[in-house]
């Protein structure tokens, strides 16, 4: 067997492994872990809307909430391992492509690479919390302010922060629009669902995706404002972004609607864990 044939055979085996049952299980565990986080963040935000809870409605608050449950340490480790699985699946998509007719396109692979980096960061933060049982790095709000302050100090930092904020706004809009248009249908095994189940999945997918996109867009808008005003304190993490909905004329009811949407997105993530084509 010549070198070219051996290399081709090696790539084929690597691609088969990347799309095998282990990788599929890792992806499904990752979606389930994502669902747990969104359920907890949404539930914490609902508490803020109705009783002004001082708890943080972000990933750190969700982890603290989970740590207080029976077998909290086990749950935290399971969550972190699930997110590692999600990161590995996204890495396989970046290297070998994803399902779908354009799954090997450069655009899809770039998006998979970005998602891989994101889930590596999230998995690291969850596993660090599981080890130390303390929220590492402070709240998401403080992390956002610190990162913005550091970015503003570098040359052209104001432009970079503004561009990053604008990109997050666009990403949020893209997430919301795709959810409303039910673009996730392309990735689901719809034939395995009953009509009733598909309707329920659409409720969670549309409402949950729209709420998630809205939160992203608003957080990005705060980053743009921080860049324009050259004030790092204008940047907001997830917790402050969610609380800002209660400061609108609609008051806590808007926050409650957004929080309910995040809970629905958590449920939708469980549906993705069950019926997503991997």
C-alpha atoms as a PDB file:
ATOM      1  CA  UNK A   1       0.000   0.000   0.000  1.00  0.00           C
ATOM      2  CA  UNK A   2       1.508   3.334  -1.038  1.00  0.00           C
ATOM      3  CA  UNK A   3       1.797   6.379   1.199  1.00  0.00           C
ATOM      4  CA  UNK A   4      -1.170   8.170  -0.371  1.00  0.00           C
ATOM      5  CA  UNK A   5      -3.446   5.160   0.111  1.00  0.00           C
ATOM      6  CA  UNK A   6      -2.305   4.757   3.722  1.00  0.00           C
ATOM      7  CA  UNK A   7      -2.988   8.417   4.429  1.00  0.00           C
ATOM      8  CA  UNK A   8      -6.427   8.169   2.843  1.00  0.00           C
ATOM      9  CA  UNK A   9      -7.189   5.035   4.857  1.00  0.00           C
ATOM     10  CA  UNK A  10      -6.058   6.791   8.034  1.00  0.00           C
ATOM     11  CA  UNK A  11      -8.320   9.765   7.336  1.00  0.00           C
ATOM     12  CA  UNK A  12     -11.235   7.421   6.668  1.00  0.00           C
ATOM     13  CA  UNK A  13     -10.720   5.609   9.982  1.00  0.00           C
ATOM     14  CA  UNK A  14     -10.396   8.907  11.863  1.00  0.00           C
ATOM     15  CA  UNK A  15     -13.610  10.202  10.259  1.00  0.00           C
ATOM     16  CA  UNK A  16     -15.422   6.963  11.101  1.00  0.00           C
ATOM     17  CA  UNK A  17     -14.305   7.216  14.719  1.00  0.00           C
ATOM     18  CA  UNK A  18     -15.318  10.892  14.847  1.00  0.00           C
ATOM     19  CA  UNK A  19     -18.811   9.948  13.701  1.00  0.00           C
ATOM     20  CA  UNK A  20     -19.054   6.775  15.756  1.00  0.00           C
ATOM     21  CA  UNK A  21     -21.183   5.912  18.739  1.00  0.00           C
ATOM     22  CA  UNK A  22     -18.710   7.362  21.258  1.00  0.00           C
ATOM     23  CA  UNK A  23     -18.755  10.787  19.613  1.00  0.00           C
ATOM     24  CA  UNK A  24     -22.530  10.631  19.253  1.00  0.00           C
ATOM     25  CA  UNK A  25     -22.876   9.839  22.941  1.00  0.00           C
ATOM     26  CA  UNK A  26     -20.545  12.725  23.797  1.00  0.00           C
ATOM     27  CA  UNK A  27     -22.643  15.131  21.729  1.00  0.00           C
ATOM     28  CA  UNK A  28     -25.893  14.016  23.339  1.00  0.00           C
ATOM     29  CA  UNK A  29     -24.392  14.291  26.816  1.00  0.00           C
ATOM     30  CA  UNK A  30     -23.262  17.797  25.903  1.00  0.00           C
ATOM     31  CA  UNK A  31     -26.736  18.881  24.846  1.00  0.00           C
ATOM     32  CA  UNK A  32     -28.155  17.485  28.082  1.00  0.00           C
ATOM     33  CA  UNK A  33     -25.537  19.390  30.108  1.00  0.00           C
ATOM     34  CA  UNK A  34     -26.370  22.585  28.228  1.00  0.00           C
ATOM     35  CA  UNK A  35     -30.022  21.989  29.006  1.00  0.00           C
ATOM     36  CA  UNK A  36     -29.331  21.734  32.734  1.00  0.00           C
ATOM     37  CA  UNK A  37     -27.453  25.046  32.741  1.00  0.00           C
ATOM     38  CA  UNK A  38     -30.187  26.917  30.862  1.00  0.00           C
ATOM     39  CA  UNK A  39     -32.899  25.424  33.070  1.00  0.00           C
ATOM     40  CA  UNK A  40     -31.111  26.608  36.203  1.00  0.00           C
ATOM     41  CA  UNK A  41     -30.264  30.064  34.814  1.00  0.00           C
ATOM     42  CA  UNK A  42     -33.862  30.531  33.684  1.00  0.00           C
ATOM     43  CA  UNK A  43     -35.207  29.395  37.061  1.00  0.00           C
ATOM     44  CA  UNK A  44     -32.880  31.814  38.879  1.00  0.00           C
ATOM     45  CA  UNK A  45     -33.970  34.650  36.593  1.00  0.00           C
ATOM     46  CA  UNK A  46     -37.618  33.830  37.357  1.00  0.00           C
ATOM     47  CA  UNK A  47     -36.848  34.131  41.060  1.00  0.00           C
ATOM     48  CA  UNK A  48     -35.299  37.549  40.427  1.00  0.00           C
ATOM     49  CA  UNK A  49     -38.381  38.642  38.492  1.00  0.00           C
ATOM     50  CA  UNK A  50     -40.866  37.638  41.167  1.00  0.00           C
ATOM     51  CA  UNK A  51     -39.074  38.127  44.480  1.00  0.00           C
ATOM     52  CA  UNK A  52     -35.944  40.176  43.704  1.00  0.00           C
ATOM     53  CA  UNK A  53     -33.632  37.304  44.584  1.00  0.00           C
ATOM     54  CA  UNK A  54     -30.017  38.264  45.131  1.00  0.00           C
ATOM     55  CA  UNK A  55     -28.756  35.082  43.496  1.00  0.00           C
ATOM     56  CA  UNK A  56     -26.800  35.328  40.275  1.00  0.00           C
ATOM     57  CA  UNK A  57     -28.701  34.310  37.159  1.00  0.00           C
ATOM     58  CA  UNK A  58     -25.650  33.112  35.256  1.00  0.00           C
ATOM     59  CA  UNK A  59     -23.496  30.011  34.930  1.00  0.00           C
ATOM     60  CA  UNK A  60     -21.814  30.607  38.297  1.00  0.00           C
ATOM     61  CA  UNK A  61     -25.187  30.958  40.008  1.00  0.00           C
ATOM     62  CA  UNK A  62     -26.416  27.808  38.304  1.00  0.00           C
ATOM     63  CA  UNK A  63     -23.371  25.869  39.506  1.00  0.00           C
ATOM     64  CA  UNK A  64     -23.805  27.118  43.052  1.00  0.00           C
ATOM     65  CA  UNK A  65     -27.446  26.071  42.928  1.00  0.00           C
ATOM     66  CA  UNK A  66     -26.481  22.628  41.674  1.00  0.00           C
ATOM     67  CA  UNK A  67     -23.773  22.244  44.317  1.00  0.00           C
ATOM     68  CA  UNK A  68     -26.363  22.638  47.079  1.00  0.00           C
ATOM     69  CA  UNK A  69     -28.440  19.702  45.836  1.00  0.00           C
ATOM     70  CA  UNK A  70     -28.041  16.120  47.097  1.00  0.00           C
ATOM     71  CA  UNK A  71     -25.061  14.524  45.361  1.00  0.00           C
ATOM     72  CA  UNK A  72     -24.120  18.013  44.162  1.00  0.00           C
ATOM     73  CA  UNK A  73     -20.471  17.112  43.601  1.00  0.00           C
ATOM     74  CA  UNK A  74     -21.437  14.160  41.415  1.00  0.00           C
ATOM     75  CA  UNK A  75     -23.849  16.333  39.429  1.00  0.00           C
ATOM     76  CA  UNK A  76     -21.182  18.992  38.875  1.00  0.00           C
ATOM     77  CA  UNK A  77     -18.690  16.436  37.582  1.00  0.00           C
ATOM     78  CA  UNK A  78     -21.336  14.899  35.321  1.00  0.00           C
ATOM     79  CA  UNK A  79     -22.148  18.354  33.959  1.00  0.00           C
ATOM     80  CA  UNK A  80     -18.483  19.149  33.313  1.00  0.00           C
ATOM     81  CA  UNK A  81     -17.872  15.820  31.598  1.00  0.00           C
ATOM     82  CA  UNK A  82     -20.953  16.334  29.442  1.00  0.00           C
ATOM     83  CA  UNK A  83     -19.624  19.714  28.321  1.00  0.00           C
ATOM     84  CA  UNK A  84     -16.254  18.134  27.529  1.00  0.00           C
ATOM     85  CA  UNK A  85     -18.198  15.743  25.320  1.00  0.00           C
ATOM     86  CA  UNK A  86     -19.823  18.683  23.546  1.00  0.00           C
ATOM     87  CA  UNK A  87     -16.407  20.272  22.981  1.00  0.00           C
ATOM     88  CA  UNK A  88     -14.991  17.044  21.540  1.00  0.00           C
ATOM     89  CA  UNK A  89     -17.958  16.684  19.198  1.00  0.00           C
ATOM     90  CA  UNK A  90     -17.508  20.250  17.953  1.00  0.00           C
ATOM     91  CA  UNK A  91     -13.814  19.499  17.429  1.00  0.00           C
ATOM     92  CA  UNK A  92     -14.723  16.471  15.303  1.00  0.00           C
ATOM     93  CA  UNK A  93     -17.008  18.719  13.226  1.00  0.00           C
ATOM     94  CA  UNK A  94     -14.186  21.215  12.743  1.00  0.00           C
ATOM     95  CA  UNK A  95     -11.787  18.483  11.621  1.00  0.00           C
ATOM     96  CA  UNK A  96     -14.051  16.214   9.589  1.00  0.00           C
ATOM     97  CA  UNK A  97     -17.189  18.225   8.889  1.00  0.00           C
ATOM     98  CA  UNK A  98     -20.739  17.937  10.186  1.00  0.00           C
ATOM     99  CA  UNK A  99     -23.904  16.287   8.922  1.00  0.00           C
ATOM    100  CA  UNK A 100     -25.684  17.924   6.005  1.00  0.00           C
ATOM    101  CA  UNK A 101     -24.904  18.643   2.394  1.00  0.00           C
ATOM    102  CA  UNK A 102     -22.563  21.552   3.203  1.00  0.00           C
ATOM    103  CA  UNK A 103     -21.201  20.070   6.430  1.00  0.00           C
ATOM    104  CA  UNK A 104     -17.605  20.142   5.187  1.00  0.00           C
ATOM    105  CA  UNK A 105     -17.695  23.751   4.027  1.00  0.00           C
ATOM    106  CA  UNK A 106     -15.131  26.185   5.394  1.00  0.00           C
ATOM    107  CA  UNK A 107     -17.889  28.260   7.005  1.00  0.00           C
ATOM    108  CA  UNK A 108     -19.336  25.298   8.914  1.00  0.00           C
ATOM    109  CA  UNK A 109     -15.892  24.188  10.048  1.00  0.00           C
ATOM    110  CA  UNK A 110     -15.040  27.700  11.242  1.00  0.00           C
ATOM    111  CA  UNK A 111     -18.284  27.875  13.230  1.00  0.00           C
ATOM    112  CA  UNK A 112     -17.522  24.461  14.723  1.00  0.00           C
ATOM    113  CA  UNK A 113     -14.056  25.695  15.721  1.00  0.00           C
ATOM    114  CA  UNK A 114     -15.538  28.732  17.482  1.00  0.00           C
ATOM    115  CA  UNK A 115     -18.054  26.526  19.286  1.00  0.00           C
ATOM    116  CA  UNK A 116     -15.290  24.120  20.259  1.00  0.00           C
ATOM    117  CA  UNK A 117     -13.303  26.958  21.851  1.00  0.00           C
ATOM    118  CA  UNK A 118     -16.423  28.207  23.646  1.00  0.00           C
ATOM    119  CA  UNK A 119     -17.294  24.814  25.113  1.00  0.00           C
ATOM    120  CA  UNK A 120     -13.698  24.211  26.156  1.00  0.00           C
ATOM    121  CA  UNK A 121     -13.926  27.419  28.188  1.00  0.00           C
ATOM    122  CA  UNK A 122     -17.322  26.491  29.664  1.00  0.00           C
ATOM    123  CA  UNK A 123     -16.244  22.933  30.485  1.00  0.00           C
ATOM    124  CA  UNK A 124     -13.067  24.241  32.122  1.00  0.00           C
ATOM    125  CA  UNK A 125     -15.038  26.677  34.296  1.00  0.00           C
ATOM    126  CA  UNK A 126     -17.494  23.957  35.372  1.00  0.00           C
ATOM    127  CA  UNK A 127     -14.771  21.418  36.179  1.00  0.00           C
ATOM    128  CA  UNK A 128     -12.774  24.089  38.044  1.00  0.00           C
ATOM    129  CA  UNK A 129     -15.857  24.794  40.125  1.00  0.00           C
ATOM    130  CA  UNK A 130     -16.355  21.071  40.733  1.00  0.00           C
ATOM    131  CA  UNK A 131     -12.799  20.823  42.062  1.00  0.00           C
ATOM    132  CA  UNK A 132     -12.747  23.940  44.224  1.00  0.00           C
ATOM    133  CA  UNK A 133     -16.504  24.295  44.935  1.00  0.00           C
ATOM    134  CA  UNK A 134     -15.971  28.047  44.738  1.00  0.00           C
ATOM    135  CA  UNK A 135     -17.001  30.288  41.883  1.00  0.00           C
ATOM    136  CA  UNK A 136     -13.765  30.928  40.064  1.00  0.00           C
ATOM    137  CA  UNK A 137     -13.130  34.315  38.533  1.00  0.00           C
ATOM    138  CA  UNK A 138     -16.128  36.065  40.089  1.00  0.00           C
ATOM    139  CA  UNK A 139     -19.525  36.671  38.559  1.00  0.00           C
ATOM    140  CA  UNK A 140     -20.146  36.911  34.837  1.00  0.00           C
ATOM    141  CA  UNK A 141     -20.772  40.639  35.330  1.00  0.00           C
ATOM    142  CA  UNK A 142     -17.382  41.233  36.928  1.00  0.00           C
ATOM    143  CA  UNK A 143     -15.670  39.054  34.330  1.00  0.00           C
ATOM    144  CA  UNK A 144     -17.270  41.100  31.531  1.00  0.00           C
ATOM    145  CA  UNK A 145     -16.218  44.385  33.092  1.00  0.00           C
ATOM    146  CA  UNK A 146     -12.660  43.175  33.698  1.00  0.00           C
ATOM    147  CA  UNK A 147     -12.291  41.800  30.174  1.00  0.00           C
ATOM    148  CA  UNK A 148     -13.691  45.012  28.686  1.00  0.00           C
ATOM    149  CA  UNK A 149     -11.350  47.153  30.781  1.00  0.00           C
ATOM    150  CA  UNK A 150      -8.313  45.139  29.650  1.00  0.00           C
ATOM    151  CA  UNK A 151      -9.418  45.295  26.024  1.00  0.00           C
ATOM    152  CA  UNK A 152      -9.933  49.060  26.133  1.00  0.00           C
ATOM    153  CA  UNK A 153      -6.368  49.537  27.325  1.00  0.00           C
ATOM    154  CA  UNK A 154      -4.742  48.014  24.241  1.00  0.00           C
ATOM    155  CA  UNK A 155      -4.208  49.938  20.976  1.00  0.00           C
ATOM    156  CA  UNK A 156      -7.459  50.203  19.030  1.00  0.00           C
ATOM    157  CA  UNK A 157      -9.134  48.548  21.991  1.00  0.00           C
ATOM    158  CA  UNK A 158     -12.188  50.758  21.712  1.00  0.00           C
ATOM    159  CA  UNK A 159     -12.751  49.584  18.147  1.00  0.00           C
ATOM    160  CA  UNK A 160     -12.149  45.957  19.091  1.00  0.00           C
ATOM    161  CA  UNK A 161     -14.672  46.044  21.928  1.00  0.00           C
ATOM    162  CA  UNK A 162     -17.189  47.776  19.698  1.00  0.00           C
ATOM    163  CA  UNK A 163     -16.660  45.242  16.917  1.00  0.00           C
ATOM    164  CA  UNK A 164     -16.960  42.326  19.353  1.00  0.00           C
ATOM    165  CA  UNK A 165     -20.155  43.781  20.796  1.00  0.00           C
ATOM    166  CA  UNK A 166     -21.608  44.311  17.323  1.00  0.00           C
ATOM    167  CA  UNK A 167     -20.703  40.717  16.416  1.00  0.00           C
ATOM    168  CA  UNK A 168     -22.557  39.466  19.511  1.00  0.00           C
ATOM    169  CA  UNK A 169     -25.588  41.567  18.565  1.00  0.00           C
ATOM    170  CA  UNK A 170     -25.558  40.058  15.068  1.00  0.00           C
ATOM    171  CA  UNK A 171     -25.087  36.559  16.502  1.00  0.00           C
ATOM    172  CA  UNK A 172     -28.025  37.096  18.843  1.00  0.00           C
ATOM    173  CA  UNK A 173     -30.232  38.249  15.992  1.00  0.00           C
ATOM    174  CA  UNK A 174     -29.088  35.287  13.883  1.00  0.00           C
ATOM    175  CA  UNK A 175     -29.923  32.850  16.706  1.00  0.00           C
ATOM    176  CA  UNK A 176     -33.369  34.369  17.222  1.00  0.00           C
ATOM    177  CA  UNK A 177     -34.276  34.524  13.521  1.00  0.00           C
ATOM    178  CA  UNK A 178     -33.166  30.949  12.877  1.00  0.00           C
ATOM    179  CA  UNK A 179     -35.235  29.808  15.854  1.00  0.00           C
ATOM    180  CA  UNK A 180     -38.354  31.616  14.654  1.00  0.00           C
ATOM    181  CA  UNK A 181     -37.883  30.173  11.150  1.00  0.00           C
ATOM    182  CA  UNK A 182     -37.423  26.699  12.681  1.00  0.00           C
ATOM    183  CA  UNK A 183     -34.100  26.149  10.972  1.00  0.00           C
ATOM    184  CA  UNK A 184     -33.320  23.541  13.617  1.00  0.00           C
ATOM    185  CA  UNK A 185     -35.681  21.197  11.730  1.00  0.00           C
ATOM    186  CA  UNK A 186     -32.784  20.462   9.380  1.00  0.00           C
ATOM    187  CA  UNK A 187     -30.843  18.950  12.279  1.00  0.00           C
ATOM    188  CA  UNK A 188     -33.584  16.918  13.928  1.00  0.00           C
ATOM    189  CA  UNK A 189     -34.848  13.408  13.230  1.00  0.00           C
ATOM    190  CA  UNK A 190     -38.397  14.610  12.729  1.00  0.00           C
ATOM    191  CA  UNK A 191     -39.530  11.235  11.422  1.00  0.00           C
ATOM    192  CA  UNK A 192     -38.983   9.720  14.861  1.00  0.00           C
ATOM    193  CA  UNK A 193     -41.345  12.213  16.534  1.00  0.00           C
ATOM    194  CA  UNK A 194     -45.096  12.058  16.836  1.00  0.00           C
ATOM    195  CA  UNK A 195     -47.093  15.069  15.649  1.00  0.00           C
ATOM    196  CA  UNK A 196     -47.715  16.117  19.249  1.00  0.00           C
ATOM    197  CA  UNK A 197     -44.050  15.798  20.178  1.00  0.00           C
ATOM    198  CA  UNK A 198     -43.018  17.880  17.183  1.00  0.00           C
ATOM    199  CA  UNK A 199     -45.413  20.623  18.239  1.00  0.00           C
ATOM    200  CA  UNK A 200     -43.971  20.657  21.755  1.00  0.00           C
ATOM    201  CA  UNK A 201     -40.422  20.734  20.415  1.00  0.00           C
ATOM    202  CA  UNK A 202     -41.357  23.683  18.190  1.00  0.00           C
ATOM    203  CA  UNK A 203     -42.727  25.597  21.184  1.00  0.00           C
ATOM    204  CA  UNK A 204     -39.487  25.129  23.094  1.00  0.00           C
ATOM    205  CA  UNK A 205     -37.280  25.678  20.034  1.00  0.00           C
ATOM    206  CA  UNK A 206     -38.934  28.868  18.828  1.00  0.00           C
ATOM    207  CA  UNK A 207     -39.606  30.537  22.186  1.00  0.00           C
ATOM    208  CA  UNK A 208     -36.378  29.310  23.748  1.00  0.00           C
ATOM    209  CA  UNK A 209     -34.187  30.207  20.786  1.00  0.00           C
ATOM    210  CA  UNK A 210     -35.776  33.658  20.477  1.00  0.00           C
ATOM    211  CA  UNK A 211     -35.189  34.372  24.176  1.00  0.00           C
ATOM    212  CA  UNK A 212     -31.590  33.166  23.974  1.00  0.00           C
ATOM    213  CA  UNK A 213     -30.938  35.301  20.905  1.00  0.00           C
ATOM    214  CA  UNK A 214     -32.475  38.345  22.584  1.00  0.00           C
ATOM    215  CA  UNK A 215     -30.221  37.959  25.617  1.00  0.00           C
ATOM    216  CA  UNK A 216     -27.158  37.683  23.375  1.00  0.00           C
ATOM    217  CA  UNK A 217     -28.171  40.771  21.389  1.00  0.00           C
ATOM    218  CA  UNK A 218     -28.777  42.891  24.491  1.00  0.00           C
ATOM    219  CA  UNK A 219     -25.459  41.817  26.042  1.00  0.00           C
ATOM    220  CA  UNK A 220     -23.716  42.776  22.794  1.00  0.00           C
ATOM    221  CA  UNK A 221     -25.457  46.153  22.791  1.00  0.00           C
ATOM    222  CA  UNK A 222     -24.104  46.850  26.283  1.00  0.00           C
ATOM    223  CA  UNK A 223     -20.595  46.016  25.038  1.00  0.00           C
ATOM    224  CA  UNK A 224     -21.003  48.452  22.140  1.00  0.00           C
ATOM    225  CA  UNK A 225     -22.152  51.127  24.579  1.00  0.00           C
ATOM    226  CA  UNK A 226     -19.126  50.458  26.784  1.00  0.00           C
ATOM    227  CA  UNK A 227     -16.865  50.955  23.764  1.00  0.00           C
ATOM    228  CA  UNK A 228     -18.585  54.160  22.614  1.00  0.00           C
ATOM    229  CA  UNK A 229     -18.571  55.690  26.114  1.00  0.00           C
ATOM    230  CA  UNK A 230     -15.130  54.229  26.911  1.00  0.00           C
ATOM    231  CA  UNK A 231     -16.531  52.960  30.207  1.00  0.00           C
ATOM    232  CA  UNK A 232     -15.887  49.286  31.075  1.00  0.00           C
ATOM    233  CA  UNK A 233     -18.649  49.361  33.694  1.00  0.00           C
ATOM    234  CA  UNK A 234     -21.180  49.708  30.882  1.00  0.00           C
ATOM    235  CA  UNK A 235     -20.458  46.100  29.867  1.00  0.00           C
ATOM    236  CA  UNK A 236     -22.726  43.523  31.453  1.00  0.00           C
ATOM    237  CA  UNK A 237     -22.541  39.797  32.003  1.00  0.00           C
ATOM    238  CA  UNK A 238     -25.484  37.439  31.811  1.00  0.00           C
ATOM    239  CA  UNK A 239     -26.818  38.273  35.270  1.00  0.00           C
ATOM    240  CA  UNK A 240     -26.851  42.068  34.784  1.00  0.00           C
ATOM    241  CA  UNK A 241     -28.162  41.667  31.240  1.00  0.00           C
ATOM    242  CA  UNK A 242     -31.118  39.686  32.511  1.00  0.00           C
ATOM    243  CA  UNK A 243     -31.757  42.139  35.339  1.00  0.00           C
ATOM    244  CA  UNK A 244     -31.794  44.993  32.806  1.00  0.00           C
ATOM    245  CA  UNK A 245     -35.047  43.623  31.360  1.00  0.00           C
ATOM    246  CA  UNK A 246     -36.734  44.416  34.664  1.00  0.00           C
ATOM    247  CA  UNK A 247     -35.688  48.074  34.261  1.00  0.00           C
ATOM    248  CA  UNK A 248     -37.785  48.526  31.121  1.00  0.00           C
ATOM    249  CA  UNK A 249     -41.330  49.980  31.162  1.00  0.00           C
ATOM    250  CA  UNK A 250     -42.669  46.407  31.192  1.00  0.00           C
ATOM    251  CA  UNK A 251     -40.815  45.823  34.453  1.00  0.00           C
ATOM    252  CA  UNK A 252     -40.352  42.345  35.956  1.00  0.00           C
ATOM    253  CA  UNK A 253     -42.854  40.831  33.529  1.00  0.00           C
ATOM    254  CA  UNK A 254     -40.451  41.193  30.612  1.00  0.00           C
ATOM    255  CA  UNK A 255     -37.710  39.557  32.658  1.00  0.00           C
ATOM    256  CA  UNK A 256     -40.137  36.768  33.576  1.00  0.00           C
ATOM    257  CA  UNK A 257     -40.928  36.178  29.886  1.00  0.00           C
ATOM    258  CA  UNK A 258     -37.247  36.065  28.939  1.00  0.00           C
ATOM    259  CA  UNK A 259     -36.474  33.790  31.895  1.00  0.00           C
ATOM    260  CA  UNK A 260     -39.295  31.443  30.899  1.00  0.00           C
ATOM    261  CA  UNK A 261     -37.813  31.421  27.398  1.00  0.00           C
ATOM    262  CA  UNK A 262     -34.447  30.326  28.769  1.00  0.00           C
ATOM    263  CA  UNK A 263     -36.155  27.527  30.695  1.00  0.00           C
ATOM    264  CA  UNK A 264     -37.805  26.450  27.438  1.00  0.00           C
ATOM    265  CA  UNK A 265     -34.428  26.524  25.695  1.00  0.00           C
ATOM    266  CA  UNK A 266     -33.142  24.182  28.383  1.00  0.00           C
ATOM    267  CA  UNK A 267     -36.001  21.806  27.580  1.00  0.00           C
ATOM    268  CA  UNK A 268     -35.245  22.206  23.866  1.00  0.00           C
ATOM    269  CA  UNK A 269     -31.637  21.200  24.559  1.00  0.00           C
ATOM    270  CA  UNK A 270     -32.927  17.939  26.019  1.00  0.00           C
ATOM    271  CA  UNK A 271     -34.931  17.426  22.836  1.00  0.00           C
ATOM    272  CA  UNK A 272     -31.738  18.014  20.854  1.00  0.00           C
ATOM    273  CA  UNK A 273     -29.989  15.429  23.010  1.00  0.00           C
ATOM    274  CA  UNK A 274     -32.690  12.937  22.046  1.00  0.00           C
ATOM    275  CA  UNK A 275     -33.388  13.689  18.380  1.00  0.00           C
ATOM    276  CA  UNK A 276     -30.422  15.708  17.026  1.00  0.00           C
ATOM    277  CA  UNK A 277     -28.741  14.192  13.968  1.00  0.00           C
ATOM    278  CA  UNK A 278     -25.048  13.829  14.867  1.00  0.00           C
END
